[in-house]
Amino acid sequence: MTASDRWLDNLRELGEELRDTFAQERRAIGALDHARLTYLAVHKQHLSERLAEARDAAPVSDLPAMRALFAALRIEAQANAMLASTATEAVRAMLGYEPGGYDRRARPTTVPAMTIRATY
């Protein structure tokens, strides 16, 4: 096995581990498991550092393989981000927060749930 093959195998292993982490993250988002999401965030950070090291050590001849792997990982990361955003919005709606428009920087704003205070 050449150094190039070892590098590519290492990169693929890291990529598969990150894909598995993304799958676990999707399940944790679905279950609203904050503790698991916190653990997975730290784990993803560690994996991204290892992937950056592997990327920097990449032989120039294997750049297409590396690009394909990173493109697939980017798609999964974007899907998880959209799922997390949707879950956040669902929880906010369940708590009674309503969209209130946009601020000066075009960020969505929310209106807190209406409260009715009655005194007798």
PDB file of N, CA and C in Angstrom:
ATOM      1  N   MET A   1       0.853  -1.181   0.000  1.00  0.00           N
ATOM      2  CA  MET A   1       0.000   0.000   0.000  1.00  0.00           C
ATOM      3  C   MET A   1       0.894   1.238   0.000  1.00  0.00           C
ATOM      4  N   THR A   2       0.617   2.142  -0.912  1.00  0.00           N
ATOM      5  CA  THR A   2       1.430   3.345  -1.029  1.00  0.00           C
ATOM      6  C   THR A   2       0.970   4.385  -0.018  1.00  0.00           C
ATOM      7  N   ALA A   3       1.773   5.428   0.139  1.00  0.00           N
ATOM      8  CA  ALA A   3       1.418   6.525   1.055  1.00  0.00           C
ATOM      9  C   ALA A   3       0.144   7.206   0.588  1.00  0.00           C
ATOM     10  N   SER A   4      -0.040   7.287  -0.723  1.00  0.00           N
ATOM     11  CA  SER A   4      -1.236   7.912  -1.270  1.00  0.00           C
ATOM     12  C   SER A   4      -2.484   7.096  -0.912  1.00  0.00           C
ATOM     13  N   ASP A   5      -2.362   5.769  -1.003  1.00  0.00           N
ATOM     14  CA  ASP A   5      -3.489   4.894  -0.654  1.00  0.00           C
ATOM     15  C   ASP A   5      -3.831   5.013   0.824  1.00  0.00           C
ATOM     16  N   ARG A   6      -2.805   5.062   1.675  1.00  0.00           N
ATOM     17  CA  ARG A   6      -3.033   5.202   3.130  1.00  0.00           C
ATOM     18  C   ARG A   6      -3.716   6.524   3.436  1.00  0.00           C
ATOM     19  N   TRP A   7      -3.268   7.578   2.769  1.00  0.00           N
ATOM     20  CA  TRP A   7      -3.872   8.892   3.001  1.00  0.00           C
ATOM     21  C   TRP A   7      -5.347   8.867   2.614  1.00  0.00           C
ATOM     22  N   LEU A   8      -5.649   8.287   1.449  1.00  0.00           N
ATOM     23  CA  LEU A   8      -7.025   8.236   0.979  1.00  0.00           C
ATOM     24  C   LEU A   8      -7.891   7.354   1.877  1.00  0.00           C
ATOM     25  N   ASP A   9      -7.351   6.223   2.334  1.00  0.00           N
ATOM     26  CA  ASP A   9      -8.099   5.368   3.262  1.00  0.00           C
ATOM     27  C   ASP A   9      -8.384   6.094   4.571  1.00  0.00           C
ATOM     28  N   ASN A  10      -7.401   6.823   5.082  1.00  0.00           N
ATOM     29  CA  ASN A  10      -7.589   7.592   6.314  1.00  0.00           C
ATOM     30  C   ASN A  10      -8.661   8.653   6.122  1.00  0.00           C
ATOM     31  N   LEU A  11      -8.611   9.335   4.997  1.00  0.00           N
ATOM     32  CA  LEU A  11      -9.596  10.365   4.709  1.00  0.00           C
ATOM     33  C   LEU A  11     -10.996   9.763   4.598  1.00  0.00           C
ATOM     34  N   ARG A  12     -11.104   8.629   3.944  1.00  0.00           N
ATOM     35  CA  ARG A  12     -12.405   7.965   3.821  1.00  0.00           C
ATOM     36  C   ARG A  12     -12.936   7.520   5.183  1.00  0.00           C
ATOM     37  N   GLU A  13     -12.066   6.985   6.028  1.00  0.00           N
ATOM     38  CA  GLU A  13     -12.492   6.580   7.381  1.00  0.00           C
ATOM     39  C   GLU A  13     -13.011   7.778   8.169  1.00  0.00           C
ATOM     40  N   LEU A  14     -12.285   8.883   8.104  1.00  0.00           N
ATOM     41  CA  LEU A  14     -12.729  10.087   8.801  1.00  0.00           C
ATOM     42  C   LEU A  14     -14.057  10.588   8.235  1.00  0.00           C
ATOM     43  N   GLY A  15     -14.183  10.527   6.914  1.00  0.00           N
ATOM     44  CA  GLY A  15     -15.429  10.947   6.277  1.00  0.00           C
ATOM     45  C   GLY A  15     -16.600  10.079   6.702  1.00  0.00           C
ATOM     46  N   GLU A  16     -16.391   8.766   6.759  1.00  0.00           N
ATOM     47  CA  GLU A  16     -17.470   7.865   7.185  1.00  0.00           C
ATOM     48  C   GLU A  16     -17.820   8.087   8.657  1.00  0.00           C
ATOM     49  N   GLU A  17     -16.825   8.355   9.479  1.00  0.00           N
ATOM     50  CA  GLU A  17     -17.097   8.643  10.883  1.00  0.00           C
ATOM     51  C   GLU A  17     -17.908   9.933  11.027  1.00  0.00           C
ATOM     52  N   LEU A  18     -17.579  10.927  10.217  1.00  0.00           N
ATOM     53  CA  LEU A  18     -18.331  12.179  10.256  1.00  0.00           C
ATOM     54  C   LEU A  18     -19.755  11.978   9.730  1.00  0.00           C
ATOM     55  N   ARG A  19     -19.921  11.172   8.697  1.00  0.00           N
ATOM     56  CA  ARG A  19     -21.268  10.881   8.185  1.00  0.00           C
ATOM     57  C   ARG A  19     -22.098  10.160   9.242  1.00  0.00           C
ATOM     58  N   ASP A  20     -21.483   9.232   9.955  1.00  0.00           N
ATOM     59  CA  ASP A  20     -22.186   8.541  11.042  1.00  0.00           C
ATOM     60  C   ASP A  20     -22.570   9.530  12.140  1.00  0.00           C
ATOM     61  N   THR A  21     -21.681  10.461  12.424  1.00  0.00           N
ATOM     62  CA  THR A  21     -21.968  11.491  13.425  1.00  0.00           C
ATOM     63  C   THR A  21     -23.130  12.359  12.979  1.00  0.00           C
ATOM     64  N   PHE A  22     -23.185  12.689  11.692  1.00  0.00           N
ATOM     65  CA  PHE A  22     -24.311  13.466  11.174  1.00  0.00           C
ATOM     66  C   PHE A  22     -25.625  12.690  11.335  1.00  0.00           C
ATOM     67  N   ALA A  23     -25.586  11.379  11.084  1.00  0.00           N
ATOM     68  CA  ALA A  23     -26.793  10.560  11.244  1.00  0.00           C
ATOM     69  C   ALA A  23     -27.233  10.544  12.713  1.00  0.00           C
ATOM     70  N   GLN A  24     -26.276  10.410  13.626  1.00  0.00           N
ATOM     71  CA  GLN A  24     -26.605  10.457  15.050  1.00  0.00           C
ATOM     72  C   GLN A  24     -27.178  11.819  15.425  1.00  0.00           C
ATOM     73  N   GLU A  25     -26.627  12.858  14.831  1.00  0.00           N
ATOM     74  CA  GLU A  25     -27.103  14.213  15.113  1.00  0.00           C
ATOM     75  C   GLU A  25     -28.550  14.383  14.644  1.00  0.00           C
ATOM     76  N   ARG A  26     -28.881  13.827  13.478  1.00  0.00           N
ATOM     77  CA  ARG A  26     -30.261  13.920  12.998  1.00  0.00           C
ATOM     78  C   ARG A  26     -31.220  13.234  13.971  1.00  0.00           C
ATOM     79  N   ARG A  27     -30.816  12.074  14.490  1.00  0.00           N
ATOM     80  CA  ARG A  27     -31.676  11.385  15.465  1.00  0.00           C
ATOM     81  C   ARG A  27     -31.798  12.198  16.750  1.00  0.00           C
ATOM     82  N   ALA A  28     -30.716  12.816  17.186  1.00  0.00           N
ATOM     83  CA  ALA A  28     -30.743  13.626  18.410  1.00  0.00           C
ATOM     84  C   ALA A  28     -31.607  14.877  18.219  1.00  0.00           C
ATOM     85  N   ILE A  29     -31.557  15.475  17.043  1.00  0.00           N
ATOM     86  CA  ILE A  29     -32.406  16.640  16.759  1.00  0.00           C
ATOM     87  C   ILE A  29     -33.869  16.211  16.805  1.00  0.00           C
ATOM     88  N   GLY A  30     -34.167  15.081  16.187  1.00  0.00           N
ATOM     89  CA  GLY A  30     -35.536  14.578  16.175  1.00  0.00           C
ATOM     90  C   GLY A  30     -36.066  14.294  17.572  1.00  0.00           C
ATOM     91  N   ALA A  31     -35.172  13.862  18.458  1.00  0.00           N
ATOM     92  CA  ALA A  31     -35.575  13.551  19.831  1.00  0.00           C
ATOM     93  C   ALA A  31     -35.420  14.757  20.762  1.00  0.00           C
ATOM     94  N   LEU A  32     -34.913  15.868  20.240  1.00  0.00           N
ATOM     95  CA  LEU A  32     -34.613  17.065  21.039  1.00  0.00           C
ATOM     96  C   LEU A  32     -33.737  16.717  22.242  1.00  0.00           C
ATOM     97  N   ASP A  33     -32.719  15.897  21.981  1.00  0.00           N
ATOM     98  CA  ASP A  33     -31.800  15.426  23.023  1.00  0.00           C
ATOM     99  C   ASP A  33     -30.612  16.391  23.137  1.00  0.00           C
ATOM    100  N   HIS A  34     -30.745  17.372  24.029  1.00  0.00           N
ATOM    101  CA  HIS A  34     -29.729  18.416  24.167  1.00  0.00           C
ATOM    102  C   HIS A  34     -28.375  17.853  24.581  1.00  0.00           C
ATOM    103  N   ALA A  35     -28.361  16.930  25.512  1.00  0.00           N
ATOM    104  CA  ALA A  35     -27.085  16.369  25.992  1.00  0.00           C
ATOM    105  C   ALA A  35     -26.345  15.668  24.850  1.00  0.00           C
ATOM    106  N   ARG A  36     -27.078  14.897  24.058  1.00  0.00           N
ATOM    107  CA  ARG A  36     -26.449  14.186  22.944  1.00  0.00           C
ATOM    108  C   ARG A  36     -25.954  15.171  21.888  1.00  0.00           C
ATOM    109  N   LEU A  37     -26.740  16.221  21.615  1.00  0.00           N
ATOM    110  CA  LEU A  37     -26.327  17.236  20.645  1.00  0.00           C
ATOM    111  C   LEU A  37     -25.061  17.947  21.094  1.00  0.00           C
ATOM    112  N   THR A  38     -24.952  18.218  22.385  1.00  0.00           N
ATOM    113  CA  THR A  38     -23.751  18.866  22.913  1.00  0.00           C
ATOM    114  C   THR A  38     -22.531  17.970  22.720  1.00  0.00           C
ATOM    115  N   TYR A  39     -22.684  16.681  23.042  1.00  0.00           N
ATOM    116  CA  TYR A  39     -21.590  15.733  22.852  1.00  0.00           C
ATOM    117  C   TYR A  39     -21.190  15.658  21.373  1.00  0.00           C
ATOM    118  N   LEU A  40     -22.190  15.562  20.494  1.00  0.00           N
ATOM    119  CA  LEU A  40     -21.908  15.440  19.063  1.00  0.00           C
ATOM    120  C   LEU A  40     -21.249  16.694  18.502  1.00  0.00           C
ATOM    121  N   ALA A  41     -21.578  17.860  19.033  1.00  0.00           N
ATOM    122  CA  ALA A  41     -20.935  19.097  18.575  1.00  0.00           C
ATOM    123  C   ALA A  41     -19.440  19.063  18.866  1.00  0.00           C
ATOM    124  N   VAL A  42     -19.076  18.594  20.048  1.00  0.00           N
ATOM    125  CA  VAL A  42     -17.656  18.486  20.406  1.00  0.00           C
ATOM    126  C   VAL A  42     -16.975  17.434  19.530  1.00  0.00           C
ATOM    127  N   HIS A  43     -17.673  16.320  19.326  1.00  0.00           N
ATOM    128  CA  HIS A  43     -17.114  15.247  18.500  1.00  0.00           C
ATOM    129  C   HIS A  43     -16.907  15.721  17.053  1.00  0.00           C
ATOM    130  N   LYS A  44     -17.867  16.465  16.504  1.00  0.00           N
ATOM    131  CA  LYS A  44     -17.722  16.995  15.144  1.00  0.00           C
ATOM    132  C   LYS A  44     -16.546  17.962  15.057  1.00  0.00           C
ATOM    133  N   GLN A  45     -16.354  18.764  16.082  1.00  0.00           N
ATOM    134  CA  GLN A  45     -15.221  19.694  16.086  1.00  0.00           C
ATOM    135  C   GLN A  45     -13.903  18.920  16.030  1.00  0.00           C
ATOM    136  N   HIS A  46     -13.816  17.858  16.819  1.00  0.00           N
ATOM    137  CA  HIS A  46     -12.615  17.027  16.821  1.00  0.00           C
ATOM    138  C   HIS A  46     -12.400  16.393  15.438  1.00  0.00           C
ATOM    139  N   LEU A  47     -13.471  15.861  14.846  1.00  0.00           N
ATOM    140  CA  LEU A  47     -13.351  15.249  13.521  1.00  0.00           C
ATOM    141  C   LEU A  47     -12.965  16.270  12.459  1.00  0.00           C
ATOM    142  N   SER A  48     -13.510  17.468  12.551  1.00  0.00           N
ATOM    143  CA  SER A  48     -13.172  18.483  11.553  1.00  0.00           C
ATOM    144  C   SER A  48     -11.704  18.872  11.644  1.00  0.00           C
ATOM    145  N   GLU A  49     -11.162  18.906  12.859  1.00  0.00           N
ATOM    146  CA  GLU A  49      -9.725  19.197  13.005  1.00  0.00           C
ATOM    147  C   GLU A  49      -8.892  18.087  12.378  1.00  0.00           C
ATOM    148  N   ARG A  50      -9.287  16.828  12.591  1.00  0.00           N
ATOM    149  CA  ARG A  50      -8.559  15.702  12.001  1.00  0.00           C
ATOM    150  C   ARG A  50      -8.687  15.714  10.477  1.00  0.00           C
ATOM    151  N   LEU A  51      -9.871  16.071   9.976  1.00  0.00           N
ATOM    152  CA  LEU A  51     -10.046  16.162   8.525  1.00  0.00           C
ATOM    153  C   LEU A  51      -9.191  17.279   7.929  1.00  0.00           C
ATOM    154  N   ALA A  52      -9.079  18.393   8.628  1.00  0.00           N
ATOM    155  CA  ALA A  52      -8.244  19.499   8.150  1.00  0.00           C
ATOM    156  C   ALA A  52      -6.782  19.065   8.066  1.00  0.00           C
ATOM    157  N   GLU A  53      -6.331  18.307   9.063  1.00  0.00           N
ATOM    158  CA  GLU A  53      -4.959  17.801   9.037  1.00  0.00           C
ATOM    159  C   GLU A  53      -4.757  16.859   7.845  1.00  0.00           C
ATOM    160  N   ALA A  54      -5.735  15.987   7.615  1.00  0.00           N
ATOM    161  CA  ALA A  54      -5.637  15.048   6.489  1.00  0.00           C
ATOM    162  C   ALA A  54      -5.662  15.794   5.160  1.00  0.00           C
ATOM    163  N   ARG A  55      -6.495  16.821   5.083  1.00  0.00           N
ATOM    164  CA  ARG A  55      -6.581  17.617   3.852  1.00  0.00           C
ATOM    165  C   ARG A  55      -5.249  18.300   3.566  1.00  0.00           C
ATOM    166  N   ASP A  56      -4.635  18.847   4.618  1.00  0.00           N
ATOM    167  CA  ASP A  56      -3.366  19.548   4.425  1.00  0.00           C
ATOM    168  C   ASP A  56      -2.241  18.615   4.013  1.00  0.00           C
ATOM    169  N   ALA A  57      -2.356  17.337   4.376  1.00  0.00           N
ATOM    170  CA  ALA A  57      -1.329  16.360   4.026  1.00  0.00           C
ATOM    171  C   ALA A  57      -1.622  15.664   2.699  1.00  0.00           C
ATOM    172  N   ALA A  58      -2.638  16.112   1.990  1.00  0.00           N
ATOM    173  CA  ALA A  58      -3.087  15.440   0.771  1.00  0.00           C
ATOM    174  C   ALA A  58      -2.062  15.551  -0.349  1.00  0.00           C
ATOM    175  N   PRO A  59      -1.804  14.432  -1.002  1.00  0.00           N
ATOM    176  CA  PRO A  59      -0.979  14.506  -2.215  1.00  0.00           C
ATOM    177  C   PRO A  59      -1.777  15.186  -3.326  1.00  0.00           C
ATOM    178  N   VAL A  60      -1.113  15.939  -4.133  1.00  0.00           N
ATOM    179  CA  VAL A  60      -1.774  16.716  -5.182  1.00  0.00           C
ATOM    180  C   VAL A  60      -2.519  15.812  -6.158  1.00  0.00           C
ATOM    181  N   SER A  61      -2.053  14.610  -6.377  1.00  0.00           N
ATOM    182  CA  SER A  61      -2.668  13.721  -7.364  1.00  0.00           C
ATOM    183  C   SER A  61      -4.059  13.245  -6.940  1.00  0.00           C
ATOM    184  N   ASP A  62      -4.407  13.297  -5.662  1.00  0.00           N
ATOM    185  CA  ASP A  62      -5.692  12.778  -5.184  1.00  0.00           C
ATOM    186  C   ASP A  62      -6.713  13.871  -4.882  1.00  0.00           C
ATOM    187  N   LEU A  63      -6.504  15.065  -5.399  1.00  0.00           N
ATOM    188  CA  LEU A  63      -7.431  16.155  -5.114  1.00  0.00           C
ATOM    189  C   LEU A  63      -8.866  15.879  -5.578  1.00  0.00           C
ATOM    190  N   PRO A  64      -9.119  15.254  -6.731  1.00  0.00           N
ATOM    191  CA  PRO A  64     -10.516  14.979  -7.113  1.00  0.00           C
ATOM    192  C   PRO A  64     -11.236  14.083  -6.106  1.00  0.00           C
ATOM    193  N   ALA A  65     -10.563  13.077  -5.585  1.00  0.00           N
ATOM    194  CA  ALA A  65     -11.181  12.193  -4.591  1.00  0.00           C
ATOM    195  C   ALA A  65     -11.508  12.958  -3.319  1.00  0.00           C
ATOM    196  N   MET A  66     -10.607  13.835  -2.921  1.00  0.00           N
ATOM    197  CA  MET A  66     -10.832  14.635  -1.720  1.00  0.00           C
ATOM    198  C   MET A  66     -12.000  15.589  -1.934  1.00  0.00           C
ATOM    199  N   ARG A  67     -12.076  16.224  -3.087  1.00  0.00           N
ATOM    200  CA  ARG A  67     -13.176  17.155  -3.372  1.00  0.00           C
ATOM    201  C   ARG A  67     -14.523  16.442  -3.334  1.00  0.00           C
ATOM    202  N   ALA A  68     -14.583  15.254  -3.883  1.00  0.00           N
ATOM    203  CA  ALA A  68     -15.844  14.501  -3.903  1.00  0.00           C
ATOM    204  C   ALA A  68     -16.297  14.164  -2.489  1.00  0.00           C
ATOM    205  N   LEU A  69     -15.364  13.747  -1.646  1.00  0.00           N
ATOM    206  CA  LEU A  69     -15.708  13.419  -0.264  1.00  0.00           C
ATOM    207  C   LEU A  69     -16.191  14.654   0.479  1.00  0.00           C
ATOM    208  N   PHE A  70     -15.488  15.757   0.341  1.00  0.00           N
ATOM    209  CA  PHE A  70     -15.877  16.981   1.047  1.00  0.00           C
ATOM    210  C   PHE A  70     -17.208  17.529   0.520  1.00  0.00           C
ATOM    211  N   ALA A  71     -17.499  17.340  -0.755  1.00  0.00           N
ATOM    212  CA  ALA A  71     -18.789  17.777  -1.298  1.00  0.00           C
ATOM    213  C   ALA A  71     -19.927  16.970  -0.677  1.00  0.00           C
ATOM    214  N   ALA A  72     -19.741  15.669  -0.541  1.00  0.00           N
ATOM    215  CA  ALA A  72     -20.766  14.821   0.081  1.00  0.00           C
ATOM    216  C   ALA A  72     -20.967  15.203   1.545  1.00  0.00           C
ATOM    217  N   LEU A  73     -19.880  15.478   2.249  1.00  0.00           N
ATOM    218  CA  LEU A  73     -19.987  15.879   3.659  1.00  0.00           C
ATOM    219  C   LEU A  73     -20.680  17.234   3.794  1.00  0.00           C
ATOM    220  N   ARG A  74     -20.402  18.137   2.875  1.00  0.00           N
ATOM    221  CA  ARG A  74     -21.034  19.459   2.904  1.00  0.00           C
ATOM    222  C   ARG A  74     -22.540  19.335   2.739  1.00  0.00           C
ATOM    223  N   ILE A  75     -22.990  18.457   1.855  1.00  0.00           N
ATOM    224  CA  ILE A  75     -24.425  18.250   1.635  1.00  0.00           C
ATOM    225  C   ILE A  75     -25.095  17.741   2.906  1.00  0.00           C
ATOM    226  N   GLU A  76     -24.456  16.784   3.579  1.00  0.00           N
ATOM    227  CA  GLU A  76     -25.033  16.254   4.816  1.00  0.00           C
ATOM    228  C   GLU A  76     -25.046  17.309   5.917  1.00  0.00           C
ATOM    229  N   ALA A  77     -24.012  18.114   5.989  1.00  0.00           N
ATOM    230  CA  ALA A  77     -23.973  19.175   7.005  1.00  0.00           C
ATOM    231  C   ALA A  77     -25.078  20.195   6.756  1.00  0.00           C
ATOM    232  N   GLN A  78     -25.318  20.540   5.500  1.00  0.00           N
ATOM    233  CA  GLN A  78     -26.390  21.490   5.179  1.00  0.00           C
ATOM    234  C   GLN A  78     -27.755  20.901   5.504  1.00  0.00           C
ATOM    235  N   ALA A  79     -27.941  19.613   5.256  1.00  0.00           N
ATOM    236  CA  ALA A  79     -29.218  18.964   5.580  1.00  0.00           C
ATOM    237  C   ALA A  79     -29.456  18.994   7.086  1.00  0.00           C
ATOM    238  N   ASN A  80     -28.411  18.737   7.874  1.00  0.00           N
ATOM    239  CA  ASN A  80     -28.554  18.787   9.334  1.00  0.00           C
ATOM    240  C   ASN A  80     -28.854  20.198   9.809  1.00  0.00           C
ATOM    241  N   ALA A  81     -28.228  21.183   9.192  1.00  0.00           N
ATOM    242  CA  ALA A  81     -28.480  22.570   9.581  1.00  0.00           C
ATOM    243  C   ALA A  81     -29.925  22.954   9.291  1.00  0.00           C
ATOM    244  N   MET A  82     -30.456  22.512   8.153  1.00  0.00           N
ATOM    245  CA  MET A  82     -31.851  22.814   7.828  1.00  0.00           C
ATOM    246  C   MET A  82     -32.792  22.100   8.800  1.00  0.00           C
ATOM    247  N   LEU A  83     -32.469  20.868   9.164  1.00  0.00           N
ATOM    248  CA  LEU A  83     -33.291  20.134  10.122  1.00  0.00           C
ATOM    249  C   LEU A  83     -33.272  20.815  11.482  1.00  0.00           C
ATOM    250  N   ALA A  84     -32.105  21.255  11.915  1.00  0.00           N
ATOM    251  CA  ALA A  84     -31.995  21.948  13.205  1.00  0.00           C
ATOM    252  C   ALA A  84     -32.788  23.250  13.183  1.00  0.00           C
ATOM    253  N   SER A  85     -32.736  23.972  12.078  1.00  0.00           N
ATOM    254  CA  SER A  85     -33.484  25.221  11.960  1.00  0.00           C
ATOM    255  C   SER A  85     -34.987  24.959  12.020  1.00  0.00           C
ATOM    256  N   THR A  86     -35.429  23.927  11.322  1.00  0.00           N
ATOM    257  CA  THR A  86     -36.850  23.572  11.328  1.00  0.00           C
ATOM    258  C   THR A  86     -37.296  23.147  12.723  1.00  0.00           C
ATOM    259  N   ALA A  87     -36.468  22.371  13.417  1.00  0.00           N
ATOM    260  CA  ALA A  87     -36.803  21.945  14.776  1.00  0.00           C
ATOM    261  C   ALA A  87     -36.883  23.145  15.709  1.00  0.00           C
ATOM    262  N   THR A  88     -35.967  24.083  15.555  1.00  0.00           N
ATOM    263  CA  THR A  88     -35.987  25.296  16.382  1.00  0.00           C
ATOM    264  C   THR A  88     -37.267  26.076  16.164  1.00  0.00           C
ATOM    265  N   GLU A  89     -37.643  26.242  14.906  1.00  0.00           N
ATOM    266  CA  GLU A  89     -38.873  26.961  14.588  1.00  0.00           C
ATOM    267  C   GLU A  89     -40.097  26.235  15.135  1.00  0.00           C
ATOM    268  N   ALA A  90     -40.105  24.913  15.059  1.00  0.00           N
ATOM    269  CA  ALA A  90     -41.237  24.139  15.580  1.00  0.00           C
ATOM    270  C   ALA A  90     -41.367  24.304  17.088  1.00  0.00           C
ATOM    271  N   VAL A  91     -40.242  24.266  17.786  1.00  0.00           N
ATOM    272  CA  VAL A  91     -40.272  24.439  19.243  1.00  0.00           C
ATOM    273  C   VAL A  91     -40.725  25.855  19.589  1.00  0.00           C
ATOM    274  N   ARG A  92     -40.236  26.832  18.876  1.00  0.00           N
ATOM    275  CA  ARG A  92     -40.648  28.221  19.135  1.00  0.00           C
ATOM    276  C   ARG A  92     -42.148  28.398  18.888  1.00  0.00           C
ATOM    277  N   ALA A  93     -42.656  27.778  17.839  1.00  0.00           N
ATOM    278  CA  ALA A  93     -44.096  27.867  17.557  1.00  0.00           C
ATOM    279  C   ALA A  93     -44.894  27.172  18.658  1.00  0.00           C
ATOM    280  N   MET A  94     -44.392  26.051  19.130  1.00  0.00           N
ATOM    281  CA  MET A  94     -45.073  25.323  20.193  1.00  0.00           C
ATOM    282  C   MET A  94     -45.107  26.152  21.483  1.00  0.00           C
ATOM    283  N   LEU A  95     -44.080  26.953  21.693  1.00  0.00           N
ATOM    284  CA  LEU A  95     -44.015  27.807  22.880  1.00  0.00           C
ATOM    285  C   LEU A  95     -44.800  29.106  22.697  1.00  0.00           C
ATOM    286  N   GLY A  96     -45.309  29.325  21.515  1.00  0.00           N
ATOM    287  CA  GLY A  96     -46.144  30.486  21.281  1.00  0.00           C
ATOM    288  C   GLY A  96     -45.441  31.690  20.685  1.00  0.00           C
ATOM    289  N   TYR A  97     -44.183  31.541  20.317  1.00  0.00           N
ATOM    290  CA  TYR A  97     -43.476  32.648  19.668  1.00  0.00           C
ATOM    291  C   TYR A  97     -43.894  32.707  18.216  1.00  0.00           C
ATOM    292  N   GLU A  98     -44.164  33.895  17.732  1.00  0.00           N
ATOM    293  CA  GLU A  98     -44.618  34.067  16.355  1.00  0.00           C
ATOM    294  C   GLU A  98     -43.617  34.938  15.601  1.00  0.00           C
ATOM    295  N   PRO A  99     -43.493  34.674  14.302  1.00  0.00           N
ATOM    296  CA  PRO A  99     -42.615  35.546  13.509  1.00  0.00           C
ATOM    297  C   PRO A  99     -43.134  36.980  13.556  1.00  0.00           C
ATOM    298  N   GLY A 100     -42.221  37.918  13.737  1.00  0.00           N
ATOM    299  CA  GLY A 100     -42.639  39.311  13.852  1.00  0.00           C
ATOM    300  C   GLY A 100     -42.088  40.205  12.766  1.00  0.00           C
ATOM    301  N   GLY A 101     -41.512  39.659  11.747  1.00  0.00           N
ATOM    302  CA  GLY A 101     -40.934  40.463  10.677  1.00  0.00           C
ATOM    303  C   GLY A 101     -39.424  40.335  10.663  1.00  0.00           C
ATOM    304  N   TYR A 102     -38.769  41.420  10.235  1.00  0.00           N
ATOM    305  CA  TYR A 102     -37.324  41.414  10.108  1.00  0.00           C
ATOM    306  C   TYR A 102     -36.748  42.692  10.698  1.00  0.00           C
ATOM    307  N   ASP A 103     -35.522  42.593  11.230  1.00  0.00           N
ATOM    308  CA  ASP A 103     -34.875  43.796  11.755  1.00  0.00           C
ATOM    309  C   ASP A 103     -34.097  44.493  10.641  1.00  0.00           C
ATOM    310  N   ARG A 104     -33.297  45.507  11.001  1.00  0.00           N
ATOM    311  CA  ARG A 104     -32.562  46.286   9.986  1.00  0.00           C
ATOM    312  C   ARG A 104     -31.547  45.467   9.216  1.00  0.00           C
ATOM    313  N   ARG A 105     -31.093  44.371   9.787  1.00  0.00           N
ATOM    314  CA  ARG A 105     -30.109  43.525   9.107  1.00  0.00           C
ATOM    315  C   ARG A 105     -30.763  42.325   8.423  1.00  0.00           C
ATOM    316  N   ALA A 106     -32.053  42.378   8.251  1.00  0.00           N
ATOM    317  CA  ALA A 106     -32.830  41.338   7.579  1.00  0.00           C
ATOM    318  C   ALA A 106     -32.802  40.012   8.336  1.00  0.00           C
ATOM    319  N   ARG A 107     -32.635  40.076   9.650  1.00  0.00           N
ATOM    320  CA  ARG A 107     -32.720  38.875  10.472  1.00  0.00           C
ATOM    321  C   ARG A 107     -34.162  38.742  10.948  1.00  0.00           C
ATOM    322  N   PRO A 108     -34.699  37.530  10.946  1.00  0.00           N
ATOM    323  CA  PRO A 108     -36.076  37.368  11.414  1.00  0.00           C
ATOM    324  C   PRO A 108     -36.198  37.737  12.898  1.00  0.00           C
ATOM    325  N   THR A 109     -37.279  38.381  13.243  1.00  0.00           N
ATOM    326  CA  THR A 109     -37.555  38.702  14.636  1.00  0.00           C
ATOM    327  C   THR A 109     -38.795  37.935  15.065  1.00  0.00           C
ATOM    328  N   THR A 110     -38.949  37.762  16.356  1.00  0.00           N
ATOM    329  CA  THR A 110     -40.112  37.048  16.872  1.00  0.00           C
ATOM    330  C   THR A 110     -40.822  37.896  17.899  1.00  0.00           C
ATOM    331  N   VAL A 111     -42.081  37.606  18.039  1.00  0.00           N
ATOM    332  CA  VAL A 111     -42.913  38.273  19.031  1.00  0.00           C
ATOM    333  C   VAL A 111     -43.183  37.244  20.117  1.00  0.00           C
ATOM    334  N   PRO A 112     -42.911  37.584  21.388  1.00  0.00           N
ATOM    335  CA  PRO A 112     -43.145  36.605  22.447  1.00  0.00           C
ATOM    336  C   PRO A 112     -44.629  36.254  22.563  1.00  0.00           C
ATOM    337  N   ALA A 113     -44.880  35.128  23.181  1.00  0.00           N
ATOM    338  CA  ALA A 113     -46.251  34.682  23.368  1.00  0.00           C
ATOM    339  C   ALA A 113     -47.026  35.723  24.152  1.00  0.00           C
ATOM    340  N   MET A 114     -48.282  35.895  23.792  1.00  0.00           N
ATOM    341  CA  MET A 114     -49.114  36.847  24.494  1.00  0.00           C
ATOM    342  C   MET A 114     -49.414  36.311  25.890  1.00  0.00           C
ATOM    343  N   THR A 115     -49.366  37.200  26.840  1.00  0.00           N
ATOM    344  CA  THR A 115     -49.728  36.803  28.194  1.00  0.00           C
ATOM    345  C   THR A 115     -50.918  37.622  28.623  1.00  0.00           C
ATOM    346  N   ILE A 116     -51.795  36.991  29.312  1.00  0.00           N
ATOM    347  CA  ILE A 116     -52.976  37.680  29.828  1.00  0.00           C
ATOM    348  C   ILE A 116     -52.872  37.657  31.342  1.00  0.00           C
ATOM    349  N   ARG A 117     -52.831  38.837  31.891  1.00  0.00           N
ATOM    350  CA  ARG A 117     -52.731  38.948  33.346  1.00  0.00           C
ATOM    351  C   ARG A 117     -54.055  39.478  33.882  1.00  0.00           C
ATOM    352  N   ALA A 118     -54.649  38.693  34.677  1.00  0.00           N
ATOM    353  CA  ALA A 118     -55.929  39.093  35.248  1.00  0.00           C
ATOM    354  C   ALA A 118     -55.777  39.202  36.760  1.00  0.00           C
ATOM    355  N   THR A 119     -56.366  40.231  37.307  1.00  0.00           N
ATOM    356  CA  THR A 119     -56.367  40.374  38.771  1.00  0.00           C
ATOM    357  C   THR A 119     -57.796  40.329  39.233  1.00  0.00           C
ATOM    358  N   TYR A 120     -57.990  39.766  40.362  1.00  0.00           N
ATOM    359  CA  TYR A 120     -59.328  39.656  40.920  1.00  0.00           C
ATOM    360  C   TYR A 120     -59.406  40.329  42.255  1.00  0.00           C
TER     361      TYR A 120
END
